[in-house]
Amino acid sequence: MNNFEIIVIANLEVNDANEYRKYEKGFFPILKKYNGSFITFDDAPEHKEGDSSLKGRIIIFGFNTEEDAQSWFNDPEYQQLSEYRRNGTTTHSITFTKVLKR
C-alpha cells in the first residue's frame, strides 16, 4: 500500500443500481486526476463488535496530500458525478489524516 497522507472510507448501501453504475463509470478518472488511489472494497464486511449501521459496500481509497483530497472532493465535475451516487445510494463516509510516528 502507498504511503497515503489522507485515507477515505465510504460505506455505500445501493438503492438504485443504475444510478450507482453511472457514478462508478466516472469515479476512477476523476480520482486519478487528483493523484488518488483505490485501495480496496468489500461487499460483505464482517462485523466484529458493537452496534453497526454498516450495510452494503465499504470502499477505501487514499490521497498523497490533503490538498489533492480537497481538490478532488470540491471538483465541479466530481460534484456533478456525485449526484448519481447521492440518488442511488445511502452513503456514509469519513476522511482521516495519517498519524505520523513520533
C-alpha atoms as a PDB file:
ATOM      1  CA  MET A   1       0.000   0.000   0.000  1.00  0.00           C
ATOM      2  CA  ASN A   2       1.198   3.508  -0.773  1.00  0.00           C
ATOM      3  CA  ASN A   3       2.160   5.890   1.973  1.00  0.00           C
ATOM      4  CA  PHE A   4      -1.027   7.971   1.853  1.00  0.00           C
ATOM      5  CA  GLU A   5      -1.470  11.107   3.935  1.00  0.00           C
ATOM      6  CA  ILE A   6      -5.269  11.028   3.583  1.00  0.00           C
ATOM      7  CA  ILE A   7      -7.479   7.926   3.727  1.00  0.00           C
ATOM      8  CA  VAL A   8     -11.173   7.923   2.787  1.00  0.00           C
ATOM      9  CA  ILE A   9     -13.543   5.179   3.913  1.00  0.00           C
ATOM     10  CA  ALA A  10     -17.016   5.135   2.387  1.00  0.00           C
ATOM     11  CA  ASN A  11     -19.951   2.870   3.180  1.00  0.00           C
ATOM     12  CA  LEU A  12     -22.491   2.709   0.358  1.00  0.00           C
ATOM     13  CA  GLU A  13     -25.828   0.971   0.507  1.00  0.00           C
ATOM     14  CA  VAL A  14     -27.004   0.788  -3.102  1.00  0.00           C
ATOM     15  CA  ASN A  15     -30.693   1.610  -3.537  1.00  0.00           C
ATOM     16  CA  ASP A  16     -30.670   2.160  -7.309  1.00  0.00           C
ATOM     17  CA  ALA A  17     -28.027   0.120  -9.159  1.00  0.00           C
ATOM     18  CA  ASN A  18     -28.469   2.018 -12.442  1.00  0.00           C
ATOM     19  CA  GLU A  19     -27.743   5.384 -10.820  1.00  0.00           C
ATOM     20  CA  TYR A  20     -24.782   3.977  -8.912  1.00  0.00           C
ATOM     21  CA  ARG A  21     -23.280   2.438 -12.088  1.00  0.00           C
ATOM     22  CA  LYS A  22     -23.252   5.899 -13.680  1.00  0.00           C
ATOM     23  CA  TYR A  23     -21.236   7.110 -10.696  1.00  0.00           C
ATOM     24  CA  GLU A  24     -18.846   4.140 -10.818  1.00  0.00           C
ATOM     25  CA  LYS A  25     -18.063   4.724 -14.501  1.00  0.00           C
ATOM     26  CA  GLY A  26     -16.857   8.263 -13.869  1.00  0.00           C
ATOM     27  CA  PHE A  27     -15.264   7.795 -10.446  1.00  0.00           C
ATOM     28  CA  PHE A  28     -11.809   6.453 -11.319  1.00  0.00           C
ATOM     29  CA  PRO A  29     -10.763   9.051 -13.930  1.00  0.00           C
ATOM     30  CA  ILE A  30     -11.539  11.885 -11.514  1.00  0.00           C
ATOM     31  CA  LEU A  31      -9.821  10.081  -8.625  1.00  0.00           C
ATOM     32  CA  LYS A  32      -6.670   9.688 -10.745  1.00  0.00           C
ATOM     33  CA  LYS A  33      -6.852  13.342 -11.833  1.00  0.00           C
ATOM     34  CA  TYR A  34      -6.067  14.245  -8.203  1.00  0.00           C
ATOM     35  CA  ASN A  35      -3.449  11.533  -7.612  1.00  0.00           C
ATOM     36  CA  GLY A  36      -5.922   9.414  -5.682  1.00  0.00           C
ATOM     37  CA  SER A  37      -5.560   5.655  -5.500  1.00  0.00           C
ATOM     38  CA  PHE A  38      -8.137   2.968  -4.943  1.00  0.00           C
ATOM     39  CA  ILE A  39      -7.058   0.638  -2.112  1.00  0.00           C
ATOM     40  CA  THR A  40      -9.826  -1.947  -1.735  1.00  0.00           C
ATOM     41  CA  PHE A  41     -13.531  -2.624  -1.353  1.00  0.00           C
ATOM     42  CA  ASP A  42     -15.690  -5.268   0.311  1.00  0.00           C
ATOM     43  CA  ASP A  43     -19.338  -6.032  -0.384  1.00  0.00           C
ATOM     44  CA  ALA A  44     -19.701  -8.157   2.756  1.00  0.00           C
ATOM     45  CA  PRO A  45     -17.640  -6.675   5.608  1.00  0.00           C
ATOM     46  CA  GLU A  46     -17.574  -8.781   8.746  1.00  0.00           C
ATOM     47  CA  HIS A  47     -18.945  -7.002  11.799  1.00  0.00           C
ATOM     48  CA  LYS A  48     -16.926  -7.869  14.912  1.00  0.00           C
ATOM     49  CA  GLU A  49     -18.197  -5.739  17.768  1.00  0.00           C
ATOM     50  CA  GLY A  50     -20.619  -3.027  18.861  1.00  0.00           C
ATOM     51  CA  ASP A  51     -23.587  -1.517  17.123  1.00  0.00           C
ATOM     52  CA  SER A  52     -23.089  -1.163  13.413  1.00  0.00           C
ATOM     53  CA  SER A  53     -25.098   0.624  10.784  1.00  0.00           C
ATOM     54  CA  LEU A  54     -22.767  -0.602   8.047  1.00  0.00           C
ATOM     55  CA  LYS A  55     -24.617  -2.188   5.166  1.00  0.00           C
ATOM     56  CA  GLY A  56     -23.534  -2.765   1.608  1.00  0.00           C
ATOM     57  CA  ARG A  57     -20.153  -1.861   0.186  1.00  0.00           C
ATOM     58  CA  ILE A  58     -17.123  -0.481   2.017  1.00  0.00           C
ATOM     59  CA  ILE A  59     -14.637   1.377  -0.192  1.00  0.00           C
ATOM     60  CA  ILE A  60     -11.188   2.580   0.860  1.00  0.00           C
ATOM     61  CA  PHE A  61      -9.036   4.941  -1.183  1.00  0.00           C
ATOM     62  CA  GLY A  62      -6.262   7.404  -0.464  1.00  0.00           C
ATOM     63  CA  PHE A  63      -4.505  10.590  -1.471  1.00  0.00           C
ATOM     64  CA  ASN A  64      -0.888  11.618  -1.080  1.00  0.00           C
ATOM     65  CA  THR A  65      -1.787  15.094   0.163  1.00  0.00           C
ATOM     66  CA  GLU A  66      -4.667  16.848   1.876  1.00  0.00           C
ATOM     67  CA  GLU A  67      -4.712  19.371  -0.965  1.00  0.00           C
ATOM     68  CA  ASP A  68      -5.320  16.593  -3.511  1.00  0.00           C
ATOM     69  CA  ALA A  69      -8.152  15.159  -1.391  1.00  0.00           C
ATOM     70  CA  GLN A  70      -9.853  18.539  -1.021  1.00  0.00           C
ATOM     71  CA  SER A  71      -9.413  19.379  -4.705  1.00  0.00           C
ATOM     72  CA  TRP A  72     -10.917  16.008  -5.698  1.00  0.00           C
ATOM     73  CA  PHE A  73     -13.961  16.440  -3.470  1.00  0.00           C
ATOM     74  CA  ASN A  74     -14.552  20.060  -4.489  1.00  0.00           C
ATOM     75  CA  ASP A  75     -14.036  19.459  -8.215  1.00  0.00           C
ATOM     76  CA  PRO A  76     -17.213  20.579 -10.039  1.00  0.00           C
ATOM     77  CA  GLU A  77     -17.050  17.523 -12.310  1.00  0.00           C
ATOM     78  CA  TYR A  78     -16.875  15.235  -9.266  1.00  0.00           C
ATOM     79  CA  GLN A  79     -19.721  17.057  -7.531  1.00  0.00           C
ATOM     80  CA  GLN A  80     -21.863  16.676 -10.645  1.00  0.00           C
ATOM     81  CA  LEU A  81     -20.967  12.969 -10.858  1.00  0.00           C
ATOM     82  CA  SER A  82     -21.742  12.553  -7.146  1.00  0.00           C
ATOM     83  CA  GLU A  83     -25.386  13.326  -7.815  1.00  0.00           C
ATOM     84  CA  TYR A  84     -25.677   9.810  -9.264  1.00  0.00           C
ATOM     85  CA  ARG A  85     -24.223   8.379  -6.045  1.00  0.00           C
ATOM     86  CA  ARG A  86     -26.474  10.531  -3.889  1.00  0.00           C
ATOM     87  CA  ASN A  87     -29.518   9.474  -5.926  1.00  0.00           C
ATOM     88  CA  GLY A  88     -28.578   5.798  -5.993  1.00  0.00           C
ATOM     89  CA  THR A  89     -27.132   5.099  -2.559  1.00  0.00           C
ATOM     90  CA  THR A  90     -27.231   5.863   1.109  1.00  0.00           C
ATOM     91  CA  THR A  91     -23.666   6.955   1.822  1.00  0.00           C
ATOM     92  CA  HIS A  92     -21.631   7.419   4.983  1.00  0.00           C
ATOM     93  CA  SER A  93     -18.008   8.456   4.623  1.00  0.00           C
ATOM     94  CA  ILE A  94     -15.104   9.538   6.746  1.00  0.00           C
ATOM     95  CA  THR A  95     -11.755  11.045   5.874  1.00  0.00           C
ATOM     96  CA  PHE A  96      -8.779  10.961   8.154  1.00  0.00           C
ATOM     97  CA  THR A  97      -5.193  12.121   8.134  1.00  0.00           C
ATOM     98  CA  LYS A  98      -2.467   9.602   8.700  1.00  0.00           C
ATOM     99  CA  VAL A  99      -0.818   9.940  12.085  1.00  0.00           C
ATOM    100  CA  LEU A 100       2.931  10.094  11.768  1.00  0.00           C
ATOM    101  CA  LYS A 101       5.212   8.117  14.054  1.00  0.00           C
ATOM    102  CA  ARG A 102       6.592  10.112  16.965  1.00  0.00           C
END
